[in-house]
Protein backbone atom coordinates (compact mmCIF):
# COMPACT_ATOMS: atom_id res chain seq x y z
CA UNK A 1 47.13 76.35 -121.09
CA UNK A 2 45.31 75.02 -117.91
CA UNK A 3 41.50 74.31 -117.32
CA UNK A 4 41.02 77.16 -115.93
CA UNK A 5 41.57 79.58 -118.29
CA UNK A 6 38.26 77.92 -119.87
CA UNK A 7 36.24 80.23 -117.74
CA UNK A 8 38.73 82.76 -117.41
CA UNK A 9 41.23 83.45 -119.08
CA UNK A 10 39.88 82.79 -122.30
CA UNK A 11 37.10 84.75 -120.84
CA UNK A 12 34.41 82.44 -123.18
CA UNK A 13 31.79 82.22 -119.87
CA UNK A 14 32.30 85.69 -118.71
CA UNK A 15 35.14 88.08 -117.41
CA UNK A 16 38.94 87.73 -117.95
CA UNK A 17 40.95 86.97 -114.12
CA UNK A 18 43.74 88.13 -116.44
CA UNK A 19 43.57 91.84 -115.07
CA UNK A 20 45.27 94.37 -113.16
CA UNK A 21 44.66 97.22 -112.37
CA UNK A 22 46.88 100.07 -113.92
CA UNK A 23 48.55 101.65 -117.14
CA UNK A 24 51.98 100.27 -118.74
CA UNK A 25 54.84 102.60 -117.56
CA UNK A 26 58.57 102.84 -118.58
CA UNK A 27 61.05 104.16 -115.96
CA UNK A 28 63.32 106.01 -119.10
CA UNK A 29 60.14 107.54 -120.49
CA UNK A 30 59.19 111.00 -119.11
CA UNK A 31 55.24 111.69 -118.12
CA UNK A 32 54.51 113.93 -120.24
CA UNK A 33 55.64 111.05 -123.15
CA UNK A 34 53.19 108.94 -121.79
CA UNK A 35 49.91 107.24 -123.50
CA UNK A 36 46.45 109.07 -122.33
CA UNK A 37 45.70 107.36 -119.13
CA UNK A 38 42.77 106.42 -119.68
CA UNK A 39 38.84 107.68 -121.03
CA UNK A 40 36.16 108.99 -118.89
CA UNK A 41 33.31 106.55 -118.33
CA UNK A 42 29.96 107.31 -119.40
CA UNK A 43 26.82 106.36 -117.86
CA UNK A 44 26.28 104.69 -121.31
CA UNK A 45 29.07 103.05 -120.62
CA UNK A 46 28.64 101.96 -117.44
CA UNK A 47 25.06 100.65 -119.26
CA UNK A 48 27.45 98.80 -121.60
CA UNK A 49 29.76 97.71 -118.75
CA UNK A 50 26.66 96.01 -116.73
CA UNK A 51 25.26 94.55 -120.46
CA UNK A 52 28.77 92.86 -120.81
CA UNK A 53 28.71 92.02 -117.01
CA UNK A 54 25.26 90.22 -117.58
CA UNK A 55 26.22 87.34 -120.07
CA UNK A 56 28.21 85.52 -117.69
CA UNK A 57 24.64 85.76 -115.44
CA UNK A 58 22.86 84.70 -118.03
CA UNK A 59 24.68 81.23 -117.91
CA UNK A 60 24.41 81.20 -114.26
CA UNK A 61 21.10 80.97 -114.60
CA UNK A 62 21.14 77.78 -116.79
CA UNK A 63 20.43 74.06 -114.81
CA UNK A 64 21.80 71.87 -117.68
CA UNK A 65 24.22 73.53 -120.41
CA UNK A 66 26.71 71.57 -122.62
CA UNK A 67 28.63 74.13 -124.69
CA UNK A 68 31.92 73.38 -127.21
CA UNK A 69 34.03 74.93 -128.70
CA UNK A 70 38.11 76.06 -129.36
CA UNK A 71 40.83 78.56 -128.10
CA UNK A 72 43.99 79.58 -130.33
CA UNK A 73 46.38 81.44 -128.55
CA UNK A 74 49.29 83.08 -130.42
CA UNK A 75 51.80 84.25 -128.53
CA UNK A 76 55.22 85.54 -130.52
CA UNK A 77 57.45 84.28 -127.88
CA UNK A 78 56.16 80.43 -128.34
CA UNK A 79 58.43 79.43 -131.13
CA UNK A 80 56.44 76.25 -132.00
CA UNK A 81 54.27 79.43 -133.27
CA UNK A 82 49.94 79.43 -132.84
CA UNK A 83 48.21 76.33 -130.48
CA UNK A 84 44.83 75.52 -131.32
CA UNK A 85 42.79 73.47 -128.00
CA UNK A 86 39.19 72.37 -128.19
CA UNK A 87 36.91 72.67 -125.15
CA UNK A 88 33.52 71.52 -123.76
CA UNK A 89 31.85 73.06 -120.39
CA UNK A 90 28.74 71.21 -119.34
CA UNK A 91 26.81 72.01 -115.90
CA UNK A 92 24.61 70.01 -114.81
CA UNK A 93 22.91 71.51 -111.03
CA UNK A 94 26.17 71.65 -108.68
CA UNK A 95 28.28 69.74 -111.08
CA UNK A 96 30.00 70.84 -113.68
CA UNK A 97 32.68 69.35 -116.57
CA UNK A 98 35.52 71.09 -118.26
CA UNK A 99 37.74 69.66 -121.15
CA UNK A 100 40.42 71.35 -122.51
CA UNK A 101 42.58 69.55 -124.90
CA UNK A 102 44.04 67.07 -123.20
CA UNK A 103 42.85 67.63 -119.62
CA UNK A 104 39.53 67.30 -117.99
CA UNK A 105 38.17 68.56 -114.46
CA UNK A 106 35.02 67.36 -112.73
CA UNK A 107 32.95 68.60 -110.12
CA UNK A 108 31.23 66.75 -108.69
CA UNK A 109 29.45 65.09 -104.95
CA UNK A 110 33.47 63.25 -104.95
CA UNK A 111 35.60 66.66 -104.63
CA UNK A 112 37.34 68.61 -108.31
CA UNK A 113 39.20 65.84 -110.11
CA UNK A 114 41.82 66.97 -112.59
CA UNK A 115 43.00 64.70 -115.47
CA UNK A 116 45.76 65.78 -116.99
CA UNK A 117 45.65 63.43 -120.08
CA UNK A 118 49.19 64.33 -121.85
CA UNK A 119 50.96 64.49 -118.21
CA UNK A 120 49.90 61.07 -116.78
CA UNK A 121 48.74 62.80 -113.69
CA UNK A 122 45.89 62.98 -111.29
CA UNK A 123 44.48 65.25 -108.53
CA UNK A 124 41.41 65.54 -106.49
CA UNK A 125 40.15 68.65 -104.17
CA UNK A 126 38.07 67.73 -101.77
CA UNK A 127 34.15 68.53 -101.94
CA UNK A 128 34.35 71.81 -99.34
CA UNK A 129 37.42 72.95 -101.26
CA UNK A 130 35.91 72.81 -104.65
CA UNK A 131 34.47 75.67 -107.14
CA UNK A 132 30.41 75.60 -107.14
CA UNK A 133 28.45 77.43 -110.14
CA UNK A 134 27.23 80.67 -110.23
CA UNK A 135 30.02 82.67 -108.39
CA UNK A 136 30.79 85.40 -110.36
CA UNK A 137 29.84 88.72 -109.46
CA UNK A 138 27.28 90.55 -110.25
CA UNK A 139 26.53 92.72 -113.21
CA UNK A 140 27.16 96.17 -111.63
CA UNK A 141 29.92 95.46 -109.81
CA UNK A 142 32.08 94.31 -113.33
CA UNK A 143 30.23 96.61 -114.58
CA UNK A 144 32.58 99.45 -111.31
CA UNK A 145 35.97 97.28 -111.57
CA UNK A 146 36.18 98.00 -115.80
CA UNK A 147 34.70 101.03 -115.51
CA UNK A 148 38.12 102.10 -113.27
CA UNK A 149 40.59 100.58 -116.09
CA UNK A 150 40.50 103.85 -118.39
CA UNK A 151 39.02 101.41 -121.64
CA UNK A 152 37.42 103.27 -124.43
CA UNK A 153 33.87 100.86 -124.41
CA UNK A 154 31.65 100.57 -128.22
CA UNK A 155 28.91 98.68 -128.66
CA UNK A 156 28.11 97.30 -131.99
CA UNK A 157 27.17 94.76 -134.74
CA UNK A 158 28.94 92.71 -137.16
CA UNK A 159 28.51 89.42 -139.04
CA UNK A 160 25.72 88.24 -137.35
CA UNK A 161 26.37 89.27 -133.66
CA UNK A 162 26.59 91.60 -130.77
CA UNK A 163 29.54 92.93 -130.23
CA UNK A 164 31.45 95.07 -126.29
CA UNK A 165 34.93 95.80 -127.52
CA UNK A 166 37.17 96.84 -124.96
CA UNK A 167 39.84 99.02 -126.05
CA UNK A 168 43.03 100.95 -124.12
CA UNK A 169 46.76 100.31 -125.75
CA UNK A 170 48.82 100.98 -122.83
CA UNK A 171 46.57 99.23 -120.05
CA UNK A 172 49.22 96.74 -117.56
CA UNK A 173 48.07 93.44 -118.68
CA UNK A 174 45.13 93.12 -121.48
CA UNK A 175 44.98 96.04 -124.61
CA UNK A 176 41.32 94.87 -125.91
CA UNK A 177 38.69 92.64 -124.68
CA UNK A 178 36.33 92.21 -127.30
CA UNK A 179 32.72 90.10 -126.36
CA UNK A 180 30.42 88.19 -129.60
CA UNK A 181 27.08 87.28 -128.54
CA UNK A 182 23.96 85.89 -130.57
CA UNK A 183 19.64 86.72 -129.80
CA UNK A 184 19.71 85.18 -127.27
CA UNK A 185 22.81 86.28 -125.07
CA UNK A 186 24.29 83.96 -125.72
CA UNK A 187 28.78 84.38 -125.90
CA UNK A 188 29.95 83.15 -129.81
CA UNK A 189 33.43 84.30 -129.67
CA UNK A 190 36.24 86.29 -127.68
CA UNK A 191 39.03 88.14 -128.51
CA UNK A 192 41.97 88.65 -125.96
CA UNK A 193 45.31 90.62 -127.05
CA UNK A 194 47.57 90.43 -123.47
CA UNK A 195 49.98 92.49 -123.17
CA UNK A 196 53.77 91.23 -122.67
CA UNK A 197 55.09 92.67 -118.72
CA UNK A 198 58.46 92.84 -120.10
CA UNK A 199 58.10 94.89 -122.75
CA UNK A 200 54.51 96.42 -122.41
CA UNK A 201 54.56 99.12 -125.01
CA UNK A 202 55.70 96.87 -128.03
CA UNK A 203 52.42 95.48 -129.68
CA UNK A 204 54.23 92.83 -131.74
CA UNK A 205 54.98 90.70 -128.65
CA UNK A 206 51.07 90.68 -127.16
CA UNK A 207 49.42 87.26 -126.94
CA UNK A 208 46.41 86.89 -129.10
CA UNK A 209 43.48 84.38 -126.72
CA UNK A 210 40.53 84.06 -129.85
CA UNK A 211 38.03 81.56 -128.54
CA UNK A 212 34.89 80.80 -130.73
CA UNK A 213 32.07 78.56 -129.66
CA UNK A 214 30.83 76.03 -131.29
CA UNK A 215 27.96 74.93 -130.07
CA UNK A 216 25.36 75.54 -126.77
CA UNK A 217 23.01 72.69 -126.09
CA UNK A 218 20.53 73.89 -123.21
CA UNK A 219 19.62 70.07 -122.27
CA UNK A 220 21.22 67.40 -119.55
CA UNK A 221 24.42 66.85 -121.35
CA UNK A 222 25.46 63.17 -120.68
CA UNK A 223 25.32 61.80 -117.15
CA UNK A 224 28.80 59.64 -117.70
CA UNK A 225 30.86 63.22 -117.86
CA UNK A 226 30.62 64.47 -114.68
CA UNK A 227 30.98 60.04 -113.56
CA UNK A 228 34.64 60.88 -111.71
CA UNK A 229 34.60 57.18 -110.99
CA UNK A 230 35.72 56.67 -114.44
CA UNK A 231 38.79 57.85 -113.24
CA UNK A 232 39.14 56.88 -109.73
CA UNK A 233 37.40 54.41 -106.88
CA UNK A 234 37.29 54.69 -103.18
CA UNK A 235 39.61 52.64 -101.01
CA UNK A 236 38.60 52.81 -97.95
CA UNK A 237 38.55 56.42 -97.27
CA UNK A 238 40.84 57.15 -99.29
CA UNK A 239 40.54 57.76 -103.85
CA UNK A 240 42.78 55.44 -106.18
CA UNK A 241 42.56 55.64 -110.19
CA UNK A 242 41.27 53.26 -111.47
CA UNK A 243 42.04 50.10 -114.80
CA UNK A 244 43.30 51.55 -117.43
CA UNK A 245 45.22 54.94 -115.53
CA UNK A 246 46.75 53.21 -112.58
CA UNK A 247 49.93 54.39 -114.13
CA UNK A 248 48.82 58.13 -113.41
CA UNK A 249 50.22 59.98 -110.90
CA UNK A 250 47.41 61.17 -108.25
CA UNK A 251 47.88 63.56 -105.72
CA UNK A 252 45.26 64.42 -103.15
CA UNK A 253 45.14 65.78 -100.08
């Protein structure tokens, strides 16, 4: 799993980016034997979807925060079994810090630096190409997207959290998406069931991603988290790794 999974596939902070529109199909199955094409979205459903979209913008409204938790993935095709990694996501103004397992990403004035401690590699993307916070679509745009996907939509309370749940057994990429959040509208838990594209109707092959947030801290994170100079230093017009990372493979455009 990559760092991008923290804010996309994991869905901890907003909407998943793993979806493709459509219904899973099997060529050998007659059309009238296929599962239903999805439910019709009501005005009440749209209100729930807009609330779902607003969860990401709740985070966009913060100038500084520090959130930690864990992500567990279960993939029946992986013989090593379920995998669990810790994550951390911090923001201070326009500076960002992600950590997922042994991978780190720092977004600062120097650009976006990706550090993979396991592979012993670093990649620096120039500032003009680095991501910036606050780029999520509006709540209405996200609601409109999900409304076209044919999900059954529900909202309920469970275990002290408010939950929004989307389910469609024959969705082409994601059959289930559940988000649990607290009274302050901070996401605390996300559950996703992803379709195996090679055998879309076989739920035993579905991949499951379950993310849990342990702590939200709405304050300035430690300044050193955003300091890319922990790993690189400028030498003329280029950057080079610093000790003890000089043996890391370093790529910069």
